[in-house]
Amino acid sequence: MFKNQPMGLYVLSLSNTGERFGYYTMLAILLLFLQAKFALSTATAGLIYSSFLALVYFMPMLGGWVADKWNFSKTVTLGIVVMFLGYALMAVPTPRMATSSFVIMIAALLLISIGTGLFKGNLQVMVGDLYNNPRYAEKRDVAFSLFYMAINIGAMFAPSVTTGLCSYALGKAGFAYNPAIPSLCTKYLGGDTLDADKLQTLNDYIAAYAPDYTGNLQGFSDAFMNAISTGYSYAFLVACGSMIISFLIYKLGRRTYMVEQNTDDKSADAAKTAAPELTPAQTKSRIIALLLVFTVVIFFWMVFHQNGMTLTKFAEVFTQTETSSWTRIAFNVWALATIVVLIYALFSVFQSKGKARIISIVVAIAAIGGIAAFYATTPSPVSGLQPQIYQQFNPFYVVALTPFSVGIFAWLAKKKKEPSAPRKIGYGMLVAGFAFAFLMFASLGLGTAPAEGQGETLVSPNVLITTYLFLTFAELLLSPMGISFVSKVAPPKYKGLMMGCWFGATAIGNYLVFIPALLWNEINVAVLWGILIVVCLLSAGFIFSIMKKLEAATSDTAPTAPAEDALETVEDDVI
């Protein structure tokens, strides 16, 4: 998997790791930050959250246009600088509930989205350009899997960093985290009347976690919310640091990817002349097929990116803040990293020979010892779990499962049984539906989410940990190969447009994330998951209904005669 890859891949991937660490540090707490800083409802905060996500994935279309007119490498550099400025604004400790603070926050999110647009898509184009050389062409899919894995390494550590910084800020102020408190404090500060039970919850917390506090509830609520907001500011400051690291990696490693790209340009010209030309009918057929795939992709991202929206609220409102047994080490990111090391070492044991195999065995044994040490030294139970910590599980699963994913698809490819990209997307929608079906059954009896505080009944953290596992299976069937698929199937003269449409579909899907947020406090939470299941099943049913036509239109070998018929039947099926 790592063998015979161009060095430029690793430099560009590590640059993306630094950038994604900053992005996911911010994204892990964005919803919680909006509610803590500005006392926004879940619906309003969700709308801002989804609008930001949509901009993040829409802006690569603008960024690609800028790079086409200017320079890809310089555009990526500019993107890092603009993102740094955005995170710096977010880190400014502005007053809570102030109009000026809200304006600064909006400006910061705009800068981050613009910077991401200049950086994200163009960096991926640069990765793809490394594989224009026929010597590397067969490694394109594996390369994008490795690139995607690097993204998730950064994302895996981000939630733990935010959790640690929030705990530090609260502890410095003499408090500890409790998921029921922020919403109660926010409502109290807003002048809303709390019932006797809610008031008692606040007083019980003060007695248990802040016994030395001598002020009134107004003062406590203000101090607590200021402390947690300060913790979020610390996290944004860390994101600034990650931009600096990303910039240094990108600039110091410039010679690797620029030399390889210049070399590959000559090989790419020869490859282009050898590639079969598409007829107008074949071009049209591929474009329609890609647009139909993008339609399904919209709904995948709508349900998948509930991880930062309704799933984060589920962690806050309906999930226990304490865990024990083996589960307790799952909330230690270093334990998760050790598990990743063990997985890769075991793969290396079976794939390497001689000294390399011996080293792999030693590393595997050391990793097992490390996991045992984490289990022995981690206190039981682990308490005070914060909702954003659950967002570390998706990137952990991506990094841990990528070798299995690459290996399985490579094995299927050798047997000429590897599913096509459209079929993988269909399977991904089914698996996503299964994930929410699991969550729906776990949510039976929980009722409707309260406007403040926690629900009366709480589920085990294992429910969300398992849900994220299933969602990651779905993600691995779609996301790592998506851009590779577009780059291979899109007609040469429309590659830029089709890549823009891919990001456009992702942007629309991310904007639609807010719809479940509107329903969060309005309907039974199990019913909410049921709606997402229906979305997944309808999307899967649609793509499987036109699967044969999609596969014919997007085949690696363009058909000679039936292209017109394939196009017409795809259109007929849609109608």
Protein backbone atom coordinates (compact mmCIF):
# COMPACT_ATOMS: atom_id res chain seq x y z
CA MET A 1 0.00 0.00 0.00
CA PHE A 2 2.82 2.43 0.85
CA LYS A 3 5.34 1.04 -1.64
CA ASN A 4 6.37 2.82 -4.84
CA GLN A 5 4.35 5.95 -4.17
CA PRO A 6 5.81 9.33 -5.24
CA MET A 7 7.31 11.32 -2.38
CA GLY A 8 5.08 14.24 -3.24
CA LEU A 9 2.07 12.24 -2.03
CA TYR A 10 3.41 12.12 1.53
CA VAL A 11 4.31 15.83 1.62
CA LEU A 12 0.90 16.89 0.32
CA SER A 13 -0.86 14.41 2.61
CA LEU A 14 0.97 15.67 5.71
CA SER A 15 0.17 19.25 4.71
CA ASN A 16 -3.48 18.23 4.61
CA THR A 17 -3.15 16.45 7.98
CA GLY A 18 -2.12 19.70 9.64
CA GLU A 19 -4.88 21.68 7.95
CA ARG A 20 -7.55 19.09 8.74
CA PHE A 21 -6.44 18.93 12.39
CA GLY A 22 -7.19 22.65 12.65
CA TYR A 23 -10.46 22.35 10.74
CA TYR A 24 -11.81 19.47 12.80
CA THR A 25 -10.64 21.07 16.03
CA MET A 26 -12.93 23.93 15.13
CA LEU A 27 -15.74 21.77 13.69
CA ALA A 28 -15.90 19.48 16.73
CA ILE A 29 -17.05 22.37 18.92
CA LEU A 30 -18.69 24.74 16.42
CA LEU A 31 -22.28 23.83 17.28
CA LEU A 32 -21.55 23.85 21.02
CA PHE A 33 -19.63 27.15 20.66
CA LEU A 34 -22.55 28.83 18.87
CA GLN A 35 -24.95 27.80 21.61
CA ALA A 36 -22.59 28.69 24.47
CA LYS A 37 -21.42 32.03 23.02
CA PHE A 38 -24.68 33.36 21.62
CA ALA A 39 -27.43 31.36 23.39
CA LEU A 40 -28.76 30.09 20.04
CA SER A 41 -31.39 27.38 19.75
CA THR A 42 -30.39 24.05 18.23
CA ALA A 43 -32.32 24.93 15.06
CA THR A 44 -30.62 28.33 14.62
CA ALA A 45 -27.16 27.03 15.49
CA GLY A 46 -27.77 24.11 13.14
CA LEU A 47 -28.63 26.47 10.29
CA ILE A 48 -25.38 28.41 10.77
CA TYR A 49 -23.44 25.16 11.10
CA SER A 50 -24.90 23.66 7.91
CA SER A 51 -24.51 26.93 5.97
CA PHE A 52 -20.84 27.02 6.94
CA LEU A 53 -20.36 23.40 5.84
CA ALA A 54 -22.07 24.18 2.53
CA LEU A 55 -19.75 27.15 1.95
CA VAL A 56 -16.70 25.03 2.79
CA TYR A 57 -17.61 22.60 0.00
CA PHE A 58 -18.91 25.21 -2.42
CA MET A 59 -15.81 27.40 -2.29
CA PRO A 60 -13.51 24.81 -4.00
CA MET A 61 -15.42 25.66 -7.18
CA LEU A 62 -14.23 29.27 -6.81
CA GLY A 63 -10.80 28.09 -5.66
CA GLY A 64 -10.44 25.90 -8.75
CA TRP A 65 -11.31 28.84 -11.00
CA VAL A 66 -8.68 30.98 -9.24
CA ALA A 67 -6.06 28.23 -9.61
CA ASP A 68 -6.85 27.76 -13.31
CA LYS A 69 -6.34 31.49 -13.88
CA TRP A 70 -3.32 31.84 -11.57
CA ASN A 71 -1.31 28.93 -10.15
CA PHE A 72 -2.27 25.79 -8.19
CA SER A 73 0.68 25.85 -5.78
CA LYS A 74 0.34 29.56 -4.98
CA THR A 75 -3.43 29.25 -4.57
CA VAL A 76 -2.94 26.51 -1.96
CA THR A 77 -0.46 28.74 -0.10
CA LEU A 78 -2.94 31.62 -0.12
CA GLY A 79 -5.62 29.26 1.21
CA ILE A 80 -3.49 28.38 4.25
CA VAL A 81 -2.89 32.07 5.02
CA VAL A 82 -6.60 32.96 4.73
CA MET A 83 -7.62 30.02 6.96
CA PHE A 84 -5.06 31.13 9.56
CA LEU A 85 -6.64 34.58 9.67
CA GLY A 86 -10.09 33.01 10.12
CA TYR A 87 -9.02 30.83 13.04
CA ALA A 88 -7.18 33.80 14.59
CA LEU A 89 -10.43 35.79 14.57
CA MET A 90 -12.29 32.85 16.15
CA ALA A 91 -9.65 32.72 18.90
CA VAL A 92 -10.19 36.35 19.92
CA PRO A 93 -11.90 36.29 23.39
CA THR A 94 -14.80 38.57 22.48
CA PRO A 95 -17.71 39.27 24.90
CA ARG A 96 -20.56 36.76 25.06
CA MET A 97 -23.93 37.69 23.52
CA ALA A 98 -22.49 40.83 21.88
CA THR A 99 -23.45 41.85 18.33
CA SER A 100 -19.82 42.69 17.57
CA SER A 101 -18.78 39.17 18.63
CA PHE A 102 -21.36 37.67 16.29
CA VAL A 103 -20.13 39.80 13.37
CA ILE A 104 -16.53 38.78 14.06
CA MET A 105 -17.57 35.12 14.22
CA ILE A 106 -19.39 35.34 10.85
CA ALA A 107 -16.37 37.06 9.29
CA ALA A 108 -14.10 34.33 10.68
CA LEU A 109 -16.29 31.54 9.26
CA LEU A 110 -16.30 33.27 5.86
CA LEU A 111 -12.50 33.48 5.89
CA ILE A 112 -12.19 29.81 6.87
CA SER A 113 -14.58 28.73 4.11
CA ILE A 114 -12.81 30.86 1.48
CA GLY A 115 -9.40 29.61 2.61
CA THR A 116 -10.60 26.01 2.56
CA GLY A 117 -11.91 26.57 -0.97
CA LEU A 118 -8.53 27.85 -2.12
CA PHE A 119 -6.75 24.94 -0.40
CA LYS A 120 -8.87 21.79 -0.41
CA GLY A 121 -9.79 21.04 -4.02
CA ASN A 122 -6.55 22.37 -5.48
CA LEU A 123 -4.41 20.26 -3.17
CA GLN A 124 -6.38 17.21 -4.31
CA VAL A 125 -5.83 18.18 -7.94
CA MET A 126 -2.10 18.37 -7.21
CA VAL A 127 -2.25 14.86 -5.72
CA GLY A 128 -4.06 13.60 -8.81
CA ASP A 129 -1.49 15.23 -11.09
CA LEU A 130 1.23 13.12 -9.48
CA TYR A 131 -0.47 10.08 -11.02
CA ASN A 132 -0.59 11.33 -14.60
CA ASN A 133 2.62 9.41 -15.03
CA PRO A 134 1.73 5.92 -16.33
CA ARG A 135 4.30 4.55 -13.85
CA TYR A 136 2.00 5.63 -11.01
CA ALA A 137 -1.39 5.53 -12.74
CA GLU A 138 -2.42 2.15 -11.30
CA LYS A 139 -1.81 3.44 -7.78
CA ARG A 140 -4.25 6.36 -8.04
CA ASP A 141 -7.07 4.76 -5.99
CA VAL A 142 -4.68 3.56 -3.28
CA ALA A 143 -3.09 7.02 -3.21
CA PHE A 144 -6.40 8.73 -2.55
CA SER A 145 -7.12 6.20 0.19
CA LEU A 146 -3.79 7.09 1.83
CA PHE A 147 -4.52 10.78 1.33
CA TYR A 148 -7.92 10.33 2.95
CA MET A 149 -6.30 8.43 5.82
CA ALA A 150 -3.93 11.34 6.42
CA ILE A 151 -6.93 13.68 6.65
CA ASN A 152 -8.45 11.52 9.34
CA ILE A 153 -5.25 11.26 11.38
CA GLY A 154 -5.57 15.00 11.95
CA ALA A 155 -9.29 14.69 12.60
CA MET A 156 -8.78 11.85 15.11
CA PHE A 157 -6.75 13.95 17.55
CA ALA A 158 -8.81 17.13 17.24
CA PRO A 159 -11.76 16.24 19.56
CA SER A 160 -9.44 15.19 22.38
CA VAL A 161 -7.59 18.48 22.12
CA THR A 162 -10.80 20.50 22.35
CA THR A 163 -12.00 18.38 25.27
CA GLY A 164 -8.74 18.86 27.14
CA LEU A 165 -8.73 22.61 26.57
CA CYS A 166 -12.36 22.99 27.67
CA SER A 167 -11.67 20.95 30.81
CA TYR A 168 -8.59 23.11 31.51
CA ALA A 169 -10.55 26.36 31.15
CA LEU A 170 -13.38 25.09 33.35
CA GLY A 171 -10.95 23.75 35.96
CA LYS A 172 -9.07 27.05 36.01
CA ALA A 173 -12.37 28.75 36.89
CA GLY A 174 -13.13 26.14 39.57
CA PHE A 175 -15.71 24.15 37.58
CA ALA A 176 -16.06 20.77 35.88
CA TYR A 177 -18.00 19.79 32.78
CA ASN A 178 -21.56 18.53 33.01
CA PRO A 179 -23.67 18.30 29.81
CA ALA A 180 -26.86 19.49 31.50
CA ILE A 181 -25.36 22.75 32.74
CA PRO A 182 -24.60 24.87 29.60
CA SER A 183 -28.19 24.90 28.34
CA LEU A 184 -29.56 25.59 31.84
CA CYS A 185 -27.11 28.46 32.37
CA THR A 186 -27.90 29.89 28.95
CA LYS A 187 -31.64 29.83 29.62
CA TYR A 188 -31.21 31.34 33.08
CA LEU A 189 -29.05 34.16 31.71
CA GLY A 190 -31.63 34.78 29.01
CA GLY A 191 -34.21 35.61 31.66
CA ASP A 192 -36.32 32.51 31.09
CA THR A 193 -37.93 30.89 34.10
CA LEU A 194 -36.59 27.48 35.06
CA ASP A 195 -38.86 25.04 36.83
CA ALA A 196 -38.02 23.81 40.31
CA ASP A 197 -36.30 20.64 39.06
CA LYS A 198 -34.00 22.59 36.73
CA LEU A 199 -33.12 25.09 39.44
CA GLN A 200 -32.33 22.20 41.77
CA THR A 201 -30.06 20.68 39.11
CA LEU A 202 -28.04 23.89 38.99
CA ASN A 203 -27.81 24.12 42.77
CA ASP A 204 -26.84 20.45 43.06
CA TYR A 205 -24.07 20.98 40.54
CA ILE A 206 -22.68 23.94 42.48
CA ALA A 207 -22.74 21.91 45.69
CA ALA A 208 -20.99 18.92 44.07
CA TYR A 209 -18.48 20.55 41.70
CA ALA A 210 -18.03 24.13 42.92
CA PRO A 211 -18.48 24.01 46.73
CA ASP A 212 -16.29 27.08 47.19
CA TYR A 213 -18.47 29.25 44.97
CA THR A 214 -20.22 31.95 47.02
CA GLY A 215 -22.09 33.98 44.39
CA ASN A 216 -25.69 33.75 43.19
CA LEU A 217 -27.03 31.70 40.26
CA GLN A 218 -26.72 34.68 37.90
CA GLY A 219 -23.04 35.06 38.72
CA PHE A 220 -22.42 31.31 38.52
CA SER A 221 -24.14 30.96 35.16
CA ASP A 222 -22.18 33.86 33.71
CA ALA A 223 -18.87 32.55 35.08
CA PHE A 224 -19.49 29.01 33.85
CA MET A 225 -20.41 30.09 30.30
CA ASN A 226 -17.46 32.47 30.12
CA ALA A 227 -15.16 29.63 31.19
CA ILE A 228 -16.41 27.18 28.59
CA SER A 229 -16.30 29.89 25.90
CA THR A 230 -12.68 30.55 26.89
CA GLY A 231 -11.95 26.85 26.40
CA TYR A 232 -13.35 27.04 22.88
CA SER A 233 -11.14 30.10 22.19
CA TYR A 234 -8.10 28.07 23.26
CA ALA A 235 -9.11 25.38 20.74
CA PHE A 236 -9.32 27.94 17.92
CA LEU A 237 -5.85 29.15 18.89
CA VAL A 238 -4.56 25.58 18.49
CA ALA A 239 -6.14 25.55 15.03
CA CYS A 240 -3.99 28.61 14.20
CA GLY A 241 -0.90 26.64 15.22
CA SER A 242 -1.89 23.72 12.98
CA MET A 243 -2.07 26.12 10.01
CA ILE A 244 1.50 27.19 10.67
CA ILE A 245 2.64 23.54 10.74
CA SER A 246 0.73 22.80 7.52
CA PHE A 247 2.36 25.83 5.84
CA LEU A 248 5.86 24.74 6.87
CA ILE A 249 5.38 21.15 5.64
CA TYR A 250 3.96 22.38 2.34
CA LYS A 251 6.74 24.89 1.70
CA LEU A 252 9.69 22.81 2.93
CA GLY A 253 8.59 19.81 0.84
CA ARG A 254 7.89 21.85 -2.29
CA ARG A 255 10.67 20.30 -4.33
CA THR A 256 9.18 16.80 -4.05
CA TYR A 257 5.78 17.44 -5.57
CA MET A 258 6.87 20.18 -8.00
CA VAL A 259 9.64 18.01 -9.52
CA GLU A 260 7.34 15.03 -9.77
CA GLN A 261 4.60 17.08 -11.37
CA ASN A 262 6.97 18.59 -13.92
CA THR A 263 8.26 15.14 -14.77
CA ASP A 264 4.78 13.73 -14.99
CA ASP A 265 3.61 16.46 -17.35
CA LYS A 266 5.71 14.96 -20.14
CA SER A 267 4.39 11.46 -19.45
CA ALA A 268 0.87 12.80 -19.18
CA ASP A 269 1.07 14.26 -22.71
CA ALA A 270 2.00 10.86 -24.06
CA ALA A 271 -0.78 9.21 -22.05
CA LYS A 272 -3.33 11.69 -23.41
CA THR A 273 -2.47 10.83 -26.99
CA ALA A 274 -2.96 7.15 -26.23
CA ALA A 275 -6.31 7.63 -24.50
CA PRO A 276 -9.40 6.91 -26.64
CA GLU A 277 -11.42 9.92 -27.69
CA LEU A 278 -15.06 10.08 -26.65
CA THR A 279 -17.83 10.74 -29.11
CA PRO A 280 -20.31 13.55 -28.32
CA ALA A 281 -22.87 10.88 -27.34
CA GLN A 282 -20.39 9.18 -24.99
CA THR A 283 -19.43 12.52 -23.46
CA LYS A 284 -23.06 13.39 -22.84
CA SER A 285 -23.72 9.93 -21.42
CA ARG A 286 -20.90 10.21 -18.91
CA ILE A 287 -21.91 13.70 -17.80
CA ILE A 288 -25.52 12.65 -17.19
CA ALA A 289 -24.38 9.54 -15.31
CA LEU A 290 -22.04 11.60 -13.10
CA LEU A 291 -24.78 14.13 -12.34
CA LEU A 292 -27.11 11.31 -11.30
CA VAL A 293 -24.42 9.91 -9.00
CA PHE A 294 -23.92 13.38 -7.54
CA THR A 295 -27.64 13.52 -6.74
CA VAL A 296 -27.28 10.49 -4.49
CA VAL A 297 -24.06 11.89 -3.00
CA ILE A 298 -26.06 14.93 -1.82
CA PHE A 299 -28.18 12.77 0.47
CA PHE A 300 -25.23 10.74 1.71
CA TRP A 301 -23.52 13.85 3.05
CA MET A 302 -26.82 15.09 4.47
CA VAL A 303 -27.09 12.01 6.69
CA PHE A 304 -23.36 11.45 7.30
CA HIS A 305 -22.58 14.94 8.57
CA GLN A 306 -25.12 14.60 11.31
CA ASN A 307 -21.97 13.64 13.26
CA GLY A 308 -21.38 17.29 14.08
CA MET A 309 -25.07 18.15 14.40
CA THR A 310 -27.79 15.82 15.76
CA LEU A 311 -25.34 13.11 16.81
CA THR A 312 -23.43 15.68 18.88
CA LYS A 313 -26.72 16.79 20.46
CA PHE A 314 -27.59 13.12 21.08
CA ALA A 315 -24.25 12.74 22.89
CA GLU A 316 -25.03 15.81 24.99
CA VAL A 317 -28.69 15.09 25.80
CA PHE A 318 -29.21 11.32 25.71
CA THR A 319 -25.81 9.71 26.38
CA GLN A 320 -24.24 8.78 29.72
CA THR A 321 -21.18 10.82 30.70
CA GLU A 322 -19.52 7.89 32.43
CA THR A 323 -18.13 4.58 31.19
CA SER A 324 -16.08 1.67 32.47
CA SER A 325 -14.64 -1.72 31.37
CA TRP A 326 -12.77 -1.77 28.03
CA THR A 327 -14.79 1.13 26.72
CA ARG A 328 -12.98 3.54 29.02
CA ILE A 329 -9.74 3.38 27.01
CA ALA A 330 -11.65 4.26 23.83
CA PHE A 331 -11.83 7.83 25.12
CA ASN A 332 -8.04 8.06 25.33
CA VAL A 333 -6.87 9.12 21.87
CA TRP A 334 -3.37 7.76 22.56
CA ALA A 335 -4.88 4.34 23.23
CA LEU A 336 -6.71 4.59 19.91
CA ALA A 337 -3.46 5.58 18.19
CA THR A 338 -1.78 2.52 19.74
CA ILE A 339 -4.55 0.29 18.35
CA VAL A 340 -3.89 1.80 14.90
CA VAL A 341 -0.17 1.03 15.26
CA LEU A 342 -1.04 -2.57 16.20
CA ILE A 343 -3.26 -2.99 13.11
CA TYR A 344 -0.62 -1.65 10.72
CA ALA A 345 2.11 -3.71 12.39
CA LEU A 346 0.07 -6.89 11.98
CA PHE A 347 -0.50 -6.08 8.31
CA SER A 348 3.21 -5.57 7.89
CA VAL A 349 3.96 -8.93 9.56
CA PHE A 350 2.03 -10.74 6.83
CA GLN A 351 3.24 -8.56 3.96
CA SER A 352 6.95 -8.13 4.75
CA LYS A 353 9.95 -10.46 4.92
CA GLY A 354 13.27 -10.74 6.75
CA LYS A 355 14.25 -7.88 9.07
CA ALA A 356 11.12 -5.89 8.20
CA ARG A 357 8.92 -8.74 9.46
CA ILE A 358 10.94 -9.04 12.69
CA ILE A 359 10.60 -5.28 13.30
CA SER A 360 6.86 -5.51 12.62
CA ILE A 361 6.50 -8.34 15.17
CA VAL A 362 8.38 -6.30 17.79
CA VAL A 363 6.19 -3.24 17.11
CA ALA A 364 3.02 -5.37 17.35
CA ILE A 365 4.11 -6.85 20.70
CA ALA A 366 4.97 -3.36 22.00
CA ALA A 367 1.57 -2.07 20.87
CA ILE A 368 -0.22 -4.92 22.67
CA GLY A 369 1.75 -4.05 25.79
CA GLY A 370 0.81 -0.39 25.38
CA ILE A 371 -2.90 -1.22 25.11
CA ALA A 372 -2.67 -3.39 28.23
CA ALA A 373 -0.91 -0.53 30.05
CA PHE A 374 -3.66 1.92 29.06
CA TYR A 375 -6.27 -0.51 30.37
CA ALA A 376 -4.43 -0.99 33.66
CA THR A 377 -3.73 2.69 34.31
CA THR A 378 -6.97 4.29 33.12
CA PRO A 379 -9.26 4.89 36.09
CA SER A 380 -12.63 3.14 36.15
CA PRO A 381 -15.09 4.62 35.63
CA VAL A 382 -14.12 7.49 33.31
CA SER A 383 -16.54 10.34 33.91
CA GLY A 384 -17.26 13.83 32.57
CA LEU A 385 -17.35 12.78 28.91
CA GLN A 386 -17.96 15.81 26.68
CA PRO A 387 -20.14 15.47 23.55
CA GLN A 388 -17.46 16.50 21.04
CA ILE A 389 -15.18 13.61 22.09
CA TYR A 390 -17.33 11.17 20.12
CA GLN A 391 -16.23 12.77 16.88
CA GLN A 392 -12.82 11.12 17.27
CA PHE A 393 -14.29 7.69 16.51
CA ASN A 394 -15.11 8.28 12.85
CA PRO A 395 -11.55 9.34 11.89
CA PHE A 396 -10.13 6.58 14.11
CA TYR A 397 -12.19 3.99 12.27
CA VAL A 398 -11.17 5.46 8.89
CA VAL A 399 -7.46 5.22 9.73
CA ALA A 400 -7.81 1.77 11.31
CA LEU A 401 -9.99 0.27 8.58
CA THR A 402 -8.26 1.73 5.50
CA PRO A 403 -5.81 -1.23 5.19
CA PHE A 404 -8.76 -3.64 5.28
CA SER A 405 -10.67 -1.57 2.73
CA VAL A 406 -7.71 -1.29 0.35
CA GLY A 407 -6.86 -4.98 0.78
CA ILE A 408 -10.41 -6.22 0.18
CA PHE A 409 -10.93 -4.11 -2.94
CA ALA A 410 -7.48 -5.06 -4.28
CA TRP A 411 -8.35 -8.73 -3.78
CA LEU A 412 -11.69 -8.28 -5.51
CA ALA A 413 -9.99 -6.38 -8.35
CA LYS A 414 -7.60 -9.28 -8.93
CA LYS A 415 -10.60 -11.57 -9.22
CA LYS A 416 -12.27 -8.96 -11.45
CA LYS A 417 -15.16 -8.74 -8.96
CA GLU A 418 -14.54 -5.27 -7.54
CA PRO A 419 -17.83 -3.29 -7.41
CA SER A 420 -18.07 -0.24 -9.61
CA ALA A 421 -18.02 3.22 -8.01
CA PRO A 422 -21.80 3.72 -8.45
CA ARG A 423 -22.43 0.32 -6.86
CA LYS A 424 -20.16 1.20 -3.93
CA ILE A 425 -22.16 4.38 -3.43
CA GLY A 426 -25.38 2.36 -3.40
CA TYR A 427 -23.94 -0.05 -0.83
CA GLY A 428 -22.75 2.94 1.20
CA MET A 429 -26.28 4.34 1.38
CA LEU A 430 -27.59 0.96 2.58
CA VAL A 431 -24.93 0.76 5.29
CA ALA A 432 -25.68 4.35 6.38
CA GLY A 433 -29.35 3.36 6.65
CA PHE A 434 -28.36 0.38 8.80
CA ALA A 435 -26.34 2.69 11.08
CA PHE A 436 -29.34 4.89 11.77
CA ALA A 437 -31.57 1.81 12.14
CA PHE A 438 -29.26 0.64 14.92
CA LEU A 439 -29.44 4.08 16.53
CA MET A 440 -33.23 4.19 16.14
CA PHE A 441 -33.73 0.93 18.04
CA ALA A 442 -31.34 2.14 20.75
CA SER A 443 -33.40 5.36 20.98
CA LEU A 444 -36.80 3.72 21.49
CA GLY A 445 -38.33 5.08 24.67
CA LEU A 446 -36.11 8.16 24.87
CA GLY A 447 -38.87 10.50 23.74
CA THR A 448 -38.34 14.03 22.42
CA ALA A 449 -35.19 15.96 23.25
CA PRO A 450 -35.78 18.61 25.96
CA ALA A 451 -34.99 22.22 25.19
CA GLU A 452 -32.50 22.32 28.05
CA GLY A 453 -30.73 19.82 30.27
CA GLN A 454 -30.54 16.07 29.67
CA GLY A 455 -33.20 13.50 28.85
CA GLU A 456 -34.73 11.39 31.60
CA THR A 457 -33.27 8.19 30.13
CA LEU A 458 -29.65 7.90 28.99
CA VAL A 459 -28.00 5.30 26.73
CA SER A 460 -24.53 3.79 26.98
CA PRO A 461 -21.63 5.51 25.14
CA ASN A 462 -21.28 2.21 23.25
CA VAL A 463 -24.39 3.14 21.25
CA LEU A 464 -22.70 6.11 19.60
CA ILE A 465 -19.36 4.32 19.30
CA THR A 466 -21.07 1.53 17.34
CA THR A 467 -23.12 3.95 15.23
CA TYR A 468 -19.94 5.73 14.16
CA LEU A 469 -18.44 2.36 13.20
CA PHE A 470 -21.31 1.61 10.81
CA LEU A 471 -21.25 5.15 9.39
CA THR A 472 -17.52 4.77 8.74
CA PHE A 473 -18.14 1.57 6.77
CA ALA A 474 -20.53 3.61 4.65
CA GLU A 475 -18.03 6.44 4.25
CA LEU A 476 -15.24 4.11 3.10
CA LEU A 477 -17.52 2.83 0.33
CA LEU A 478 -17.94 6.32 -1.04
CA SER A 479 -15.67 9.15 -0.02
CA PRO A 480 -12.03 8.05 -0.63
CA MET A 481 -12.78 6.88 -4.17
CA GLY A 482 -15.19 9.64 -5.12
CA ILE A 483 -12.70 12.16 -6.45
CA SER A 484 -10.63 9.41 -8.05
CA PHE A 485 -13.81 8.19 -9.78
CA VAL A 486 -14.66 11.66 -11.08
CA SER A 487 -11.11 12.21 -12.35
CA LYS A 488 -11.23 8.92 -14.28
CA VAL A 489 -14.77 9.07 -15.69
CA ALA A 490 -15.25 12.78 -16.45
CA PRO A 491 -14.70 13.67 -20.12
CA PRO A 492 -11.25 15.32 -20.41
CA LYS A 493 -12.52 18.75 -21.43
CA TYR A 494 -15.09 18.80 -18.61
CA LYS A 495 -12.96 17.47 -15.73
CA GLY A 496 -12.81 20.83 -13.98
CA LEU A 497 -16.56 21.29 -14.26
CA MET A 498 -17.34 17.76 -13.03
CA MET A 499 -14.94 18.13 -10.09
CA GLY A 500 -16.71 21.37 -9.25
CA CYS A 501 -20.07 19.58 -9.45
CA TRP A 502 -18.77 16.92 -7.01
CA PHE A 503 -17.96 19.63 -4.48
CA GLY A 504 -21.23 21.38 -5.32
CA ALA A 505 -23.20 18.20 -4.51
CA THR A 506 -21.26 17.86 -1.27
CA ALA A 507 -22.06 21.49 -0.44
CA ILE A 508 -25.79 20.98 -0.99
CA GLY A 509 -25.72 17.85 1.16
CA ASN A 510 -23.96 19.72 3.95
CA TYR A 511 -26.50 22.53 3.79
CA LEU A 512 -29.35 20.04 4.15
CA VAL A 513 -27.78 18.90 7.43
CA PHE A 514 -29.84 21.60 9.14
CA ILE A 515 -33.19 19.90 8.36
CA PRO A 516 -32.88 17.28 11.16
CA ALA A 517 -31.74 20.11 13.45
CA LEU A 518 -35.07 21.87 12.89
CA LEU A 519 -36.83 18.71 14.09
CA TRP A 520 -34.53 18.01 17.05
CA ASN A 521 -36.75 19.43 19.81
CA GLU A 522 -40.00 18.85 17.89
CA ILE A 523 -40.34 15.09 17.32
CA ASN A 524 -39.42 11.83 19.02
CA VAL A 525 -35.69 11.22 18.51
CA ALA A 526 -36.32 7.64 17.29
CA VAL A 527 -38.68 9.03 14.62
CA LEU A 528 -35.97 11.48 13.56
CA TRP A 529 -33.54 8.60 12.93
CA GLY A 530 -36.34 6.82 11.06
CA ILE A 531 -36.61 9.77 8.65
CA LEU A 532 -32.88 9.52 7.92
CA ILE A 533 -33.28 5.77 7.30
CA VAL A 534 -35.96 6.50 4.70
CA VAL A 535 -33.65 9.03 3.00
CA CYS A 536 -30.89 6.42 2.81
CA LEU A 537 -33.15 3.67 1.45
CA LEU A 538 -34.77 5.90 -1.17
CA SER A 539 -31.33 7.06 -2.36
CA ALA A 540 -30.05 3.48 -2.51
CA GLY A 541 -33.18 2.35 -4.36
CA PHE A 542 -32.77 5.14 -6.92
CA ILE A 543 -29.13 4.40 -7.74
CA PHE A 544 -29.67 0.62 -7.92
CA SER A 545 -32.65 1.15 -10.25
CA ILE A 546 -30.37 2.71 -12.87
CA MET A 547 -27.18 0.81 -11.94
CA LYS A 548 -26.66 -1.04 -15.23
CA LYS A 549 -27.01 2.15 -17.22
CA LEU A 550 -24.64 4.02 -14.90
CA GLU A 551 -22.03 1.29 -15.12
CA ALA A 552 -22.31 1.21 -18.92
CA ALA A 553 -21.93 4.99 -19.18
CA THR A 554 -19.00 5.24 -16.73
CA SER A 555 -17.08 2.15 -17.77
CA ASP A 556 -13.30 2.54 -18.02
CA THR A 557 -13.59 1.36 -21.58
CA ALA A 558 -15.93 3.63 -23.41
CA PRO A 559 -18.48 1.73 -25.50
CA THR A 560 -18.27 2.13 -29.26
CA ALA A 561 -21.81 1.66 -30.52
CA PRO A 562 -24.29 1.40 -27.62
CA ALA A 563 -23.37 4.75 -26.01
CA GLU A 564 -26.41 6.47 -27.47
CA ASP A 565 -28.70 3.75 -26.20
CA ALA A 566 -27.12 3.76 -22.74
CA LEU A 567 -27.67 7.50 -22.52
CA GLU A 568 -31.27 7.29 -23.60
CA THR A 569 -32.12 4.49 -21.19
CA VAL A 570 -30.54 6.36 -18.28
CA GLU A 571 -32.68 9.38 -19.11
CA ASP A 572 -35.76 7.20 -19.50
CA ASP A 573 -35.21 5.52 -16.14
CA VAL A 574 -34.88 8.89 -14.39
CA ILE A 575 -38.05 10.17 -16.00
